[in-house]
Amino acid sequence: MKYLLWLLKAAIFFTLFAFALNNQHDATVYFFFGTHWRAPLVLVVLAAFAGGLVVGALGMLPGWWKHRAAAAAQGPSANEALSTTTAPTAVTAQAAAPSISATDLPAVRQHGL
């Protein structure tokens, strides 16, 4: 499996490398007020991709901060509280199968998309 992942990574790398080699022609990007930028097409595509990543991450920051503040205000989660308790005793083979109700399960918070 490890070798298949390396093969996939190598295939992606060489595909992108061939794309970069085939797109070395100059491209001109025109901005406002008569300014422009001349660069190889692969750099223009890379700059547009990086700019999209930055704008996307900045757009998500307020939501991240809100969820982080809500998690900090809530205190330790149910999983942390369960991990600090002692482990239950071993169940013997003669014990009946326990019935699990909805109240026995830890609360799961769902975040909508």
PDB file of N, CA and C in Angstrom:
ATOM      1  N   MET A   1       0.823  -1.186   0.000  1.00  0.00           N
ATOM      2  CA  MET A   1       0.000   0.000   0.000  1.00  0.00           C
ATOM      3  C   MET A   1       0.872   1.257   0.000  1.00  0.00           C
ATOM      4  N   LYS A   2       1.973   1.183   0.751  1.00  0.00           N
ATOM      5  CA  LYS A   2       2.878   2.325   0.825  1.00  0.00           C
ATOM      6  C   LYS A   2       3.464   2.635  -0.551  1.00  0.00           C
ATOM      7  N   TYR A   3       3.774   1.590  -1.309  1.00  0.00           N
ATOM      8  CA  TYR A   3       4.356   1.790  -2.629  1.00  0.00           C
ATOM      9  C   TYR A   3       3.338   2.364  -3.611  1.00  0.00           C
ATOM     10  N   LEU A   4       2.072   1.984  -3.459  1.00  0.00           N
ATOM     11  CA  LEU A   4       1.036   2.534  -4.323  1.00  0.00           C
ATOM     12  C   LEU A   4       0.845   4.029  -4.058  1.00  0.00           C
ATOM     13  N   LEU A   5       0.934   4.429  -2.802  1.00  0.00           N
ATOM     14  CA  LEU A   5       0.810   5.849  -2.481  1.00  0.00           C
ATOM     15  C   LEU A   5       1.977   6.641  -3.065  1.00  0.00           C
ATOM     16  N   TRP A   6       3.189   6.086  -2.968  1.00  0.00           N
ATOM     17  CA  TRP A   6       4.347   6.763  -3.565  1.00  0.00           C
ATOM     18  C   TRP A   6       4.207   6.835  -5.077  1.00  0.00           C
ATOM     19  N   LEU A   7       3.676   5.798  -5.696  1.00  0.00           N
ATOM     20  CA  LEU A   7       3.462   5.798  -7.134  1.00  0.00           C
ATOM     21  C   LEU A   7       2.437   6.851  -7.532  1.00  0.00           C
ATOM     22  N   LEU A   8       1.371   6.982  -6.733  1.00  0.00           N
ATOM     23  CA  LEU A   8       0.365   7.998  -7.002  1.00  0.00           C
ATOM     24  C   LEU A   8       0.943   9.405  -6.844  1.00  0.00           C
ATOM     25  N   LYS A   9       1.730   9.611  -5.801  1.00  0.00           N
ATOM     26  CA  LYS A   9       2.372  10.915  -5.589  1.00  0.00           C
ATOM     27  C   LYS A   9       3.324  11.246  -6.738  1.00  0.00           C
ATOM     28  N   ALA A  10       4.087  10.268  -7.193  1.00  0.00           N
ATOM     29  CA  ALA A  10       5.017  10.488  -8.305  1.00  0.00           C
ATOM     30  C   ALA A  10       4.254  10.810  -9.588  1.00  0.00           C
ATOM     31  N   ALA A  11       3.144  10.133  -9.820  1.00  0.00           N
ATOM     32  CA  ALA A  11       2.347  10.404 -11.019  1.00  0.00           C
ATOM     33  C   ALA A  11       1.781  11.821 -10.986  1.00  0.00           C
ATOM     34  N   ILE A  12       1.288  12.250  -9.830  1.00  0.00           N
ATOM     35  CA  ILE A  12       0.765  13.615  -9.708  1.00  0.00           C
ATOM     36  C   ILE A  12       1.891  14.629  -9.914  1.00  0.00           C
ATOM     37  N   PHE A  13       3.053  14.379  -9.313  1.00  0.00           N
ATOM     38  CA  PHE A  13       4.178  15.300  -9.463  1.00  0.00           C
ATOM     39  C   PHE A  13       4.594  15.423 -10.924  1.00  0.00           C
ATOM     40  N   PHE A  14       4.771  14.304 -11.610  1.00  0.00           N
ATOM     41  CA  PHE A  14       5.236  14.371 -12.987  1.00  0.00           C
ATOM     42  C   PHE A  14       4.177  14.962 -13.919  1.00  0.00           C
ATOM     43  N   THR A  15       2.902  14.774 -13.599  1.00  0.00           N
ATOM     44  CA  THR A  15       1.857  15.405 -14.395  1.00  0.00           C
ATOM     45  C   THR A  15       1.913  16.920 -14.237  1.00  0.00           C
ATOM     46  N   LEU A  16       2.059  17.388 -13.005  1.00  0.00           N
ATOM     47  CA  LEU A  16       2.163  18.833 -12.778  1.00  0.00           C
ATOM     48  C   LEU A  16       3.458  19.403 -13.355  1.00  0.00           C
ATOM     49  N   PHE A  17       4.535  18.639 -13.288  1.00  0.00           N
ATOM     50  CA  PHE A  17       5.804  19.074 -13.859  1.00  0.00           C
ATOM     51  C   PHE A  17       5.697  19.212 -15.378  1.00  0.00           C
ATOM     52  N   ALA A  18       5.039  18.246 -16.030  1.00  0.00           N
ATOM     53  CA  ALA A  18       4.847  18.325 -17.483  1.00  0.00           C
ATOM     54  C   ALA A  18       3.950  19.508 -17.836  1.00  0.00           C
ATOM     55  N   PHE A  19       2.929  19.782 -17.001  1.00  0.00           N
ATOM     56  CA  PHE A  19       2.076  20.951 -17.216  1.00  0.00           C
ATOM     57  C   PHE A  19       2.901  22.228 -17.155  1.00  0.00           C
ATOM     58  N   ALA A  20       3.786  22.311 -16.169  1.00  0.00           N
ATOM     59  CA  ALA A  20       4.616  23.504 -16.022  1.00  0.00           C
ATOM     60  C   ALA A  20       5.562  23.666 -17.212  1.00  0.00           C
ATOM     61  N   LEU A  21       6.126  22.569 -17.686  1.00  0.00           N
ATOM     62  CA  LEU A  21       7.041  22.661 -18.827  1.00  0.00           C
ATOM     63  C   LEU A  21       6.317  23.039 -20.106  1.00  0.00           C
ATOM     64  N   ASN A  22       5.075  22.616 -20.271  1.00  0.00           N
ATOM     65  CA  ASN A  22       4.318  22.907 -21.487  1.00  0.00           C
ATOM     66  C   ASN A  22       3.688  24.293 -21.478  1.00  0.00           C
ATOM     67  N   ASN A  23       3.701  24.994 -20.346  1.00  0.00           N
ATOM     68  CA  ASN A  23       3.060  26.306 -20.253  1.00  0.00           C
ATOM     69  C   ASN A  23       4.048  27.375 -19.804  1.00  0.00           C
ATOM     70  N   GLN A  24       5.157  27.460 -20.523  1.00  0.00           N
ATOM     71  CA  GLN A  24       6.168  28.458 -20.186  1.00  0.00           C
ATOM     72  C   GLN A  24       6.010  29.741 -20.984  1.00  0.00           C
ATOM     73  N   HIS A  25       5.026  29.807 -21.847  1.00  0.00           N
ATOM     74  CA  HIS A  25       4.820  31.015 -22.643  1.00  0.00           C
ATOM     75  C   HIS A  25       4.352  32.148 -21.739  1.00  0.00           C
ATOM     76  N   ASP A  26       4.713  33.362 -22.140  1.00  0.00           N
ATOM     77  CA  ASP A  26       4.318  34.512 -21.341  1.00  0.00           C
ATOM     78  C   ASP A  26       2.817  34.751 -21.443  1.00  0.00           C
ATOM     79  N   ALA A  27       2.244  35.092 -20.313  1.00  0.00           N
ATOM     80  CA  ALA A  27       0.845  35.487 -20.241  1.00  0.00           C
ATOM     81  C   ALA A  27       0.789  36.866 -19.609  1.00  0.00           C
ATOM     82  N   THR A  28      -0.159  37.661 -20.043  1.00  0.00           N
ATOM     83  CA  THR A  28      -0.306  39.003 -19.510  1.00  0.00           C
ATOM     84  C   THR A  28      -1.610  39.089 -18.742  1.00  0.00           C
ATOM     85  N   VAL A  29      -1.517  39.536 -17.504  1.00  0.00           N
ATOM     86  CA  VAL A  29      -2.694  39.751 -16.673  1.00  0.00           C
ATOM     87  C   VAL A  29      -2.865  41.251 -16.546  1.00  0.00           C
ATOM     88  N   TYR A  30      -4.028  41.747 -16.980  1.00  0.00           N
ATOM     89  CA  TYR A  30      -4.296  43.177 -16.952  1.00  0.00           C
ATOM     90  C   TYR A  30      -5.080  43.532 -15.696  1.00  0.00           C
ATOM     91  N   PHE A  31      -4.580  44.517 -14.963  1.00  0.00           N
ATOM     92  CA  PHE A  31      -5.237  45.019 -13.761  1.00  0.00           C
ATOM     93  C   PHE A  31      -5.896  46.347 -14.083  1.00  0.00           C
ATOM     94  N   PHE A  32      -6.355  47.041 -13.069  1.00  0.00           N
ATOM     95  CA  PHE A  32      -6.989  48.338 -13.250  1.00  0.00           C
ATOM     96  C   PHE A  32      -5.938  49.419 -13.523  1.00  0.00           C
ATOM     97  N   PHE A  33      -6.401  50.522 -14.092  1.00  0.00           N
ATOM     98  CA  PHE A  33      -5.591  51.714 -14.345  1.00  0.00           C
ATOM     99  C   PHE A  33      -4.401  51.439 -15.257  1.00  0.00           C
ATOM    100  N   GLY A  34      -4.569  50.525 -16.184  1.00  0.00           N
ATOM    101  CA  GLY A  34      -3.544  50.280 -17.181  1.00  0.00           C
ATOM    102  C   GLY A  34      -2.341  49.483 -16.707  1.00  0.00           C
ATOM    103  N   THR A  35      -2.360  48.962 -15.507  1.00  0.00           N
ATOM    104  CA  THR A  35      -1.234  48.147 -15.037  1.00  0.00           C
ATOM    105  C   THR A  35      -1.411  46.715 -15.520  1.00  0.00           C
ATOM    106  N   HIS A  36      -0.318  46.047 -15.707  1.00  0.00           N
ATOM    107  CA  HIS A  36      -0.362  44.651 -16.138  1.00  0.00           C
ATOM    108  C   HIS A  36       0.832  43.895 -15.570  1.00  0.00           C
ATOM    109  N   TRP A  37       0.730  42.585 -15.645  1.00  0.00           N
ATOM    110  CA  TRP A  37       1.780  41.702 -15.139  1.00  0.00           C
ATOM    111  C   TRP A  37       2.054  40.659 -16.196  1.00  0.00           C
ATOM    112  N   ARG A  38       3.292  40.557 -16.628  1.00  0.00           N
ATOM    113  CA  ARG A  38       3.690  39.546 -17.613  1.00  0.00           C
ATOM    114  C   ARG A  38       4.528  38.490 -16.897  1.00  0.00           C
ATOM    115  N   ALA A  39       4.110  37.240 -17.015  1.00  0.00           N
ATOM    116  CA  ALA A  39       4.814  36.131 -16.362  1.00  0.00           C
ATOM    117  C   ALA A  39       4.483  34.851 -17.122  1.00  0.00           C
ATOM    118  N   PRO A  40       5.273  33.807 -16.925  1.00  0.00           N
ATOM    119  CA  PRO A  40       4.918  32.521 -17.532  1.00  0.00           C
ATOM    120  C   PRO A  40       3.537  32.059 -17.054  1.00  0.00           C
ATOM    121  N   LEU A  41       2.814  31.408 -17.932  1.00  0.00           N
ATOM    122  CA  LEU A  41       1.445  31.002 -17.633  1.00  0.00           C
ATOM    123  C   LEU A  41       1.363  30.125 -16.385  1.00  0.00           C
ATOM    124  N   VAL A  42       2.351  29.276 -16.176  1.00  0.00           N
ATOM    125  CA  VAL A  42       2.303  28.396 -15.011  1.00  0.00           C
ATOM    126  C   VAL A  42       2.378  29.211 -13.721  1.00  0.00           C
ATOM    127  N   LEU A  43       3.117  30.323 -13.716  1.00  0.00           N
ATOM    128  CA  LEU A  43       3.165  31.176 -12.532  1.00  0.00           C
ATOM    129  C   LEU A  43       1.849  31.914 -12.317  1.00  0.00           C
ATOM    130  N   VAL A  44       1.204  32.301 -13.398  1.00  0.00           N
ATOM    131  CA  VAL A  44      -0.097  32.955 -13.279  1.00  0.00           C
ATOM    132  C   VAL A  44      -1.116  31.982 -12.675  1.00  0.00           C
ATOM    133  N   VAL A  45      -1.115  30.756 -13.145  1.00  0.00           N
ATOM    134  CA  VAL A  45      -2.034  29.743 -12.602  1.00  0.00           C
ATOM    135  C   VAL A  45      -1.715  29.461 -11.135  1.00  0.00           C
ATOM    136  N   LEU A  46      -0.443  29.351 -10.802  1.00  0.00           N
ATOM    137  CA  LEU A  46      -0.038  29.108  -9.422  1.00  0.00           C
ATOM    138  C   LEU A  46      -0.432  30.271  -8.515  1.00  0.00           C
ATOM    139  N   ALA A  47      -0.259  31.499  -8.992  1.00  0.00           N
ATOM    140  CA  ALA A  47      -0.636  32.673  -8.198  1.00  0.00           C
ATOM    141  C   ALA A  47      -2.148  32.719  -7.988  1.00  0.00           C
ATOM    142  N   ALA A  48      -2.915  32.374  -9.012  1.00  0.00           N
ATOM    143  CA  ALA A  48      -4.372  32.360  -8.864  1.00  0.00           C
ATOM    144  C   ALA A  48      -4.803  31.288  -7.862  1.00  0.00           C
ATOM    145  N   PHE A  49      -4.162  30.129  -7.892  1.00  0.00           N
ATOM    146  CA  PHE A  49      -4.479  29.057  -6.945  1.00  0.00           C
ATOM    147  C   PHE A  49      -4.130  29.479  -5.521  1.00  0.00           C
ATOM    148  N   ALA A  50      -2.942  30.051  -5.339  1.00  0.00           N
ATOM    149  CA  ALA A  50      -2.530  30.499  -4.005  1.00  0.00           C
ATOM    150  C   ALA A  50      -3.442  31.615  -3.497  1.00  0.00           C
ATOM    151  N   GLY A  51      -3.824  32.535  -4.373  1.00  0.00           N
ATOM    152  CA  GLY A  51      -4.752  33.594  -3.973  1.00  0.00           C
ATOM    153  C   GLY A  51      -6.104  33.035  -3.559  1.00  0.00           C
ATOM    154  N   GLY A  52      -6.577  32.024  -4.252  1.00  0.00           N
ATOM    155  CA  GLY A  52      -7.839  31.388  -3.878  1.00  0.00           C
ATOM    156  C   GLY A  52      -7.750  30.702  -2.528  1.00  0.00           C
ATOM    157  N   LEU A  53      -6.610  30.068  -2.246  1.00  0.00           N
ATOM    158  CA  LEU A  53      -6.422  29.450  -0.934  1.00  0.00           C
ATOM    159  C   LEU A  53      -6.449  30.485   0.179  1.00  0.00           C
ATOM    160  N   VAL A  54      -5.780  31.609  -0.044  1.00  0.00           N
ATOM    161  CA  VAL A  54      -5.727  32.662   0.978  1.00  0.00           C
ATOM    162  C   VAL A  54      -7.115  33.261   1.215  1.00  0.00           C
ATOM    163  N   VAL A  55      -7.826  33.577   0.139  1.00  0.00           N
ATOM    164  CA  VAL A  55      -9.168  34.158   0.285  1.00  0.00           C
ATOM    165  C   VAL A  55     -10.106  33.158   0.963  1.00  0.00           C
ATOM    166  N   GLY A  56     -10.011  31.876   0.616  1.00  0.00           N
ATOM    167  CA  GLY A  56     -10.852  30.866   1.249  1.00  0.00           C
ATOM    168  C   GLY A  56     -10.560  30.705   2.726  1.00  0.00           C
ATOM    169  N   ALA A  57      -9.282  30.691   3.086  1.00  0.00           N
ATOM    170  CA  ALA A  57      -8.914  30.557   4.503  1.00  0.00           C
ATOM    171  C   ALA A  57      -9.341  31.783   5.301  1.00  0.00           C
ATOM    172  N   LEU A  58      -9.175  32.969   4.727  1.00  0.00           N
ATOM    173  CA  LEU A  58      -9.602  34.184   5.427  1.00  0.00           C
ATOM    174  C   LEU A  58     -11.120  34.225   5.581  1.00  0.00           C
ATOM    175  N   GLY A  59     -11.836  33.694   4.615  1.00  0.00           N
ATOM    176  CA  GLY A  59     -13.291  33.640   4.717  1.00  0.00           C
ATOM    177  C   GLY A  59     -13.772  32.678   5.789  1.00  0.00           C
ATOM    178  N   MET A  60     -12.977  31.670   6.099  1.00  0.00           N
ATOM    179  CA  MET A  60     -13.362  30.677   7.110  1.00  0.00           C
ATOM    180  C   MET A  60     -12.915  31.058   8.518  1.00  0.00           C
ATOM    181  N   LEU A  61     -12.035  32.029   8.653  1.00  0.00           N
ATOM    182  CA  LEU A  61     -11.513  32.397   9.972  1.00  0.00           C
ATOM    183  C   LEU A  61     -12.586  32.780  10.993  1.00  0.00           C
ATOM    184  N   PRO A  62     -13.582  33.617  10.659  1.00  0.00           N
ATOM    185  CA  PRO A  62     -14.589  33.955  11.679  1.00  0.00           C
ATOM    186  C   PRO A  62     -15.329  32.729  12.213  1.00  0.00           C
ATOM    187  N   GLY A  63     -15.642  31.792  11.348  1.00  0.00           N
ATOM    188  CA  GLY A  63     -16.311  30.565  11.803  1.00  0.00           C
ATOM    189  C   GLY A  63     -15.417  29.735  12.705  1.00  0.00           C
ATOM    190  N   TRP A  64     -14.143  29.634  12.356  1.00  0.00           N
ATOM    191  CA  TRP A  64     -13.197  28.887  13.199  1.00  0.00           C
ATOM    192  C   TRP A  64     -13.093  29.522  14.578  1.00  0.00           C
ATOM    193  N   TRP A  65     -13.003  30.857  14.606  1.00  0.00           N
ATOM    194  CA  TRP A  65     -12.891  31.552  15.892  1.00  0.00           C
ATOM    195  C   TRP A  65     -14.143  31.353  16.735  1.00  0.00           C
ATOM    196  N   LYS A  66     -15.314  31.388  16.082  1.00  0.00           N
ATOM    197  CA  LYS A  66     -16.572  31.222  16.813  1.00  0.00           C
ATOM    198  C   LYS A  66     -16.659  29.824  17.421  1.00  0.00           C
ATOM    199  N   HIS A  67     -16.328  28.803  16.654  1.00  0.00           N
ATOM    200  CA  HIS A  67     -16.382  27.426  17.164  1.00  0.00           C
ATOM    201  C   HIS A  67     -15.326  27.193  18.234  1.00  0.00           C
ATOM    202  N   ARG A  68     -14.165  27.800  18.065  1.00  0.00           N
ATOM    203  CA  ARG A  68     -13.118  27.638  19.075  1.00  0.00           C
ATOM    204  C   ARG A  68     -13.520  28.297  20.388  1.00  0.00           C
ATOM    205  N   ALA A  69     -14.125  29.476  20.307  1.00  0.00           N
ATOM    206  CA  ALA A  69     -14.584  30.159  21.521  1.00  0.00           C
ATOM    207  C   ALA A  69     -15.707  29.375  22.187  1.00  0.00           C
ATOM    208  N   ALA A  70     -16.611  28.801  21.392  1.00  0.00           N
ATOM    209  CA  ALA A  70     -17.699  28.009  21.963  1.00  0.00           C
ATOM    210  C   ALA A  70     -17.161  26.752  22.637  1.00  0.00           C
ATOM    211  N   ALA A  71     -16.157  26.118  22.041  1.00  0.00           N
ATOM    212  CA  ALA A  71     -15.574  24.920  22.645  1.00  0.00           C
ATOM    213  C   ALA A  71     -14.826  25.259  23.924  1.00  0.00           C
ATOM    214  N   ALA A  72     -14.155  26.397  23.951  1.00  0.00           N
ATOM    215  CA  ALA A  72     -13.428  26.805  25.157  1.00  0.00           C
ATOM    216  C   ALA A  72     -14.396  27.172  26.273  1.00  0.00           C
ATOM    217  N   ALA A  73     -15.539  27.763  25.917  1.00  0.00           N
ATOM    218  CA  ALA A  73     -16.519  28.157  26.933  1.00  0.00           C
ATOM    219  C   ALA A  73     -17.239  26.947  27.505  1.00  0.00           C
ATOM    220  N   GLN A  74     -17.360  25.879  26.722  1.00  0.00           N
ATOM    221  CA  GLN A  74     -18.073  24.694  27.173  1.00  0.00           C
ATOM    222  C   GLN A  74     -17.271  23.915  28.210  1.00  0.00           C
ATOM    223  N   GLY A  75     -15.978  23.992  28.164  1.00  0.00           N
ATOM    224  CA  GLY A  75     -15.151  23.244  29.100  1.00  0.00           C
ATOM    225  C   GLY A  75     -14.746  21.916  28.507  1.00  0.00           C
ATOM    226  N   PRO A  76     -14.307  20.993  29.372  1.00  0.00           N
ATOM    227  CA  PRO A  76     -13.863  19.693  28.855  1.00  0.00           C
ATOM    228  C   PRO A  76     -15.025  18.939  28.227  1.00  0.00           C
ATOM    229  N   SER A  77     -14.730  18.269  27.141  1.00  0.00           N
ATOM    230  CA  SER A  77     -15.776  17.539  26.435  1.00  0.00           C
ATOM    231  C   SER A  77     -16.078  16.226  27.138  1.00  0.00           C
ATOM    232  N   ALA A  78     -17.130  15.576  26.671  1.00  0.00           N
ATOM    233  CA  ALA A  78     -17.541  14.304  27.270  1.00  0.00           C
ATOM    234  C   ALA A  78     -16.468  13.236  27.075  1.00  0.00           C
ATOM    235  N   ASN A  79     -15.763  13.269  25.943  1.00  0.00           N
ATOM    236  CA  ASN A  79     -14.708  12.280  25.704  1.00  0.00           C
ATOM    237  C   ASN A  79     -13.560  12.435  26.687  1.00  0.00           C
ATOM    238  N   GLU A  80     -13.191  13.677  27.006  1.00  0.00           N
ATOM    239  CA  GLU A  80     -12.118  13.887  27.969  1.00  0.00           C
ATOM    240  C   GLU A  80     -12.557  13.454  29.359  1.00  0.00           C
ATOM    241  N   ALA A  81     -13.827  13.675  29.697  1.00  0.00           N
ATOM    242  CA  ALA A  81     -14.330  13.274  31.005  1.00  0.00           C
ATOM    243  C   ALA A  81     -14.352  11.753  31.127  1.00  0.00           C
ATOM    244  N   LEU A  82     -14.689  11.060  30.030  1.00  0.00           N
ATOM    245  CA  LEU A  82     -14.713   9.601  30.066  1.00  0.00           C
ATOM    246  C   LEU A  82     -13.306   9.026  30.173  1.00  0.00           C
ATOM    247  N   SER A  83     -12.331   9.672  29.555  1.00  0.00           N
ATOM    248  CA  SER A  83     -10.974   9.129  29.564  1.00  0.00           C
ATOM    249  C   SER A  83     -10.309   9.285  30.925  1.00  0.00           C
ATOM    250  N   THR A  84     -10.800  10.193  31.767  1.00  0.00           N
ATOM    251  CA  THR A  84     -10.192  10.380  33.072  1.00  0.00           C
ATOM    252  C   THR A  84     -10.769   9.432  34.119  1.00  0.00           C
ATOM    253  N   THR A  85     -11.889   8.810  33.825  1.00  0.00           N
ATOM    254  CA  THR A  85     -12.471   7.868  34.782  1.00  0.00           C
ATOM    255  C   THR A  85     -11.748   6.541  34.690  1.00  0.00           C
ATOM    256  N   THR A  86     -11.968   5.696  35.678  1.00  0.00           N
ATOM    257  CA  THR A  86     -11.316   4.387  35.671  1.00  0.00           C
ATOM    258  C   THR A  86     -12.001   3.474  34.678  1.00  0.00           C
ATOM    259  N   ALA A  87     -11.293   2.482  34.203  1.00  0.00           N
ATOM    260  CA  ALA A  87     -11.828   1.540  33.236  1.00  0.00           C
ATOM    261  C   ALA A  87     -12.832   0.625  33.921  1.00  0.00           C
ATOM    262  N   PRO A  88     -13.925   0.241  33.236  1.00  0.00           N
ATOM    263  CA  PRO A  88     -14.904  -0.657  33.842  1.00  0.00           C
ATOM    264  C   PRO A  88     -14.323  -2.053  34.010  1.00  0.00           C
ATOM    265  N   THR A  89     -14.908  -2.802  34.923  1.00  0.00           N
ATOM    266  CA  THR A  89     -14.439  -4.163  35.164  1.00  0.00           C
ATOM    267  C   THR A  89     -14.785  -5.045  33.979  1.00  0.00           C
ATOM    268  N   ALA A  90     -14.077  -6.134  33.838  1.00  0.00           N
ATOM    269  CA  ALA A  90     -14.294  -7.040  32.717  1.00  0.00           C
ATOM    270  C   ALA A  90     -15.639  -7.743  32.864  1.00  0.00           C
ATOM    271  N   VAL A  91     -16.305  -7.915  31.741  1.00  0.00           N
ATOM    272  CA  VAL A  91     -17.601  -8.584  31.728  1.00  0.00           C
ATOM    273  C   VAL A  91     -17.358 -10.064  31.481  1.00  0.00           C
ATOM    274  N   THR A  92     -17.991 -10.900  32.296  1.00  0.00           N
ATOM    275  CA  THR A  92     -17.816 -12.340  32.127  1.00  0.00           C
ATOM    276  C   THR A  92     -18.704 -12.840  31.001  1.00  0.00           C
ATOM    277  N   ALA A  93     -18.457 -14.042  30.534  1.00  0.00           N
ATOM    278  CA  ALA A  93     -19.215 -14.615  29.432  1.00  0.00           C
ATOM    279  C   ALA A  93     -20.640 -14.932  29.846  1.00  0.00           C
ATOM    280  N   GLN A  94     -20.892 -15.130  31.157  1.00  0.00           N
ATOM    281  CA  GLN A  94     -22.230 -15.473  31.605  1.00  0.00           C
ATOM    282  C   GLN A  94     -23.121 -14.250  31.760  1.00  0.00           C
ATOM    283  N   ALA A  95     -22.563 -13.067  31.710  1.00  0.00           N
ATOM    284  CA  ALA A  95     -23.364 -11.864  31.894  1.00  0.00           C
ATOM    285  C   ALA A  95     -24.246 -11.637  30.679  1.00  0.00           C
ATOM    286  N   ALA A  96     -25.426 -11.121  30.934  1.00  0.00           N
ATOM    287  CA  ALA A  96     -26.360 -10.861  29.844  1.00  0.00           C
ATOM    288  C   ALA A  96     -25.869  -9.663  29.036  1.00  0.00           C
ATOM    289  N   ALA A  97     -26.249  -9.626  27.762  1.00  0.00           N
ATOM    290  CA  ALA A  97     -25.859  -8.515  26.902  1.00  0.00           C
ATOM    291  C   ALA A  97     -26.534  -7.251  27.415  1.00  0.00           C
ATOM    292  N   PRO A  98     -25.761  -6.207  27.640  1.00  0.00           N
ATOM    293  CA  PRO A  98     -26.369  -4.984  28.168  1.00  0.00           C
ATOM    294  C   PRO A  98     -27.217  -4.303  27.101  1.00  0.00           C
ATOM    295  N   SER A  99     -28.294  -3.699  27.521  1.00  0.00           N
ATOM    296  CA  SER A  99     -29.112  -2.929  26.593  1.00  0.00           C
ATOM    297  C   SER A  99     -28.656  -1.482  26.681  1.00  0.00           C
ATOM    298  N   ILE A 100     -28.405  -0.905  25.530  1.00  0.00           N
ATOM    299  CA  ILE A 100     -27.903   0.466  25.468  1.00  0.00           C
ATOM    300  C   ILE A 100     -29.048   1.363  25.028  1.00  0.00           C
ATOM    301  N   SER A 101     -29.325   2.359  25.823  1.00  0.00           N
ATOM    302  CA  SER A 101     -30.364   3.319  25.454  1.00  0.00           C
ATOM    303  C   SER A 101     -29.696   4.600  24.975  1.00  0.00           C
ATOM    304  N   ALA A 102     -30.500   5.495  24.465  1.00  0.00           N
ATOM    305  CA  ALA A 102     -29.966   6.755  23.944  1.00  0.00           C
ATOM    306  C   ALA A 102     -29.364   7.607  25.051  1.00  0.00           C
ATOM    307  N   THR A 103     -29.805   7.422  26.283  1.00  0.00           N
ATOM    308  CA  THR A 103     -29.269   8.233  27.376  1.00  0.00           C
ATOM    309  C   THR A 103     -27.897   7.736  27.821  1.00  0.00           C
ATOM    310  N   ASP A 104     -27.526   6.512  27.478  1.00  0.00           N
ATOM    311  CA  ASP A 104     -26.226   5.967  27.858  1.00  0.00           C
ATOM    312  C   ASP A 104     -25.104   6.469  26.938  1.00  0.00           C
ATOM    313  N   LEU A 105     -25.450   6.927  25.757  1.00  0.00           N
ATOM    314  CA  LEU A 105     -24.441   7.337  24.787  1.00  0.00           C
ATOM    315  C   LEU A 105     -24.023   8.779  25.049  1.00  0.00           C
ATOM    316  N   PRO A 106     -22.756   9.105  24.785  1.00  0.00           N
ATOM    317  CA  PRO A 106     -22.324  10.491  24.990  1.00  0.00           C
ATOM    318  C   PRO A 106     -23.011  11.406  23.979  1.00  0.00           C
ATOM    319  N   ALA A 107     -23.204  12.634  24.375  1.00  0.00           N
ATOM    320  CA  ALA A 107     -23.860  13.610  23.511  1.00  0.00           C
ATOM    321  C   ALA A 107     -22.951  13.942  22.328  1.00  0.00           C
ATOM    322  N   VAL A 108     -23.533  14.012  21.151  1.00  0.00           N
ATOM    323  CA  VAL A 108     -22.785  14.328  19.938  1.00  0.00           C
ATOM    324  C   VAL A 108     -23.330  15.644  19.403  1.00  0.00           C
ATOM    325  N   ARG A 109     -22.446  16.617  19.285  1.00  0.00           N
ATOM    326  CA  ARG A 109     -22.842  17.894  18.727  1.00  0.00           C
ATOM    327  C   ARG A 109     -22.637  17.840  17.222  1.00  0.00           C
ATOM    328  N   GLN A 110     -23.620  18.294  16.492  1.00  0.00           N
ATOM    329  CA  GLN A 110     -23.498  18.307  15.044  1.00  0.00           C
ATOM    330  C   GLN A 110     -23.397  19.747  14.567  1.00  0.00           C
ATOM    331  N   HIS A 111     -22.470  19.963  13.661  1.00  0.00           N
ATOM    332  CA  HIS A 111     -22.282  21.284  13.075  1.00  0.00           C
ATOM    333  C   HIS A 111     -22.755  21.212  11.636  1.00  0.00           C
ATOM    334  N   GLY A 112     -23.713  22.011  11.286  1.00  0.00           N
ATOM    335  CA  GLY A 112     -24.230  22.026   9.925  1.00  0.00           C
ATOM    336  C   GLY A 112     -23.222  22.623   8.965  1.00  0.00           C
ATOM    337  N   LEU A 113     -23.351  22.232   7.728  1.00  0.00           N
ATOM    338  CA  LEU A 113     -22.453  22.758   6.697  1.00  0.00           C
ATOM    339  C   LEU A 113     -23.114  23.905   5.992  1.00  0.00           C
TER     340      LEU A 113
END
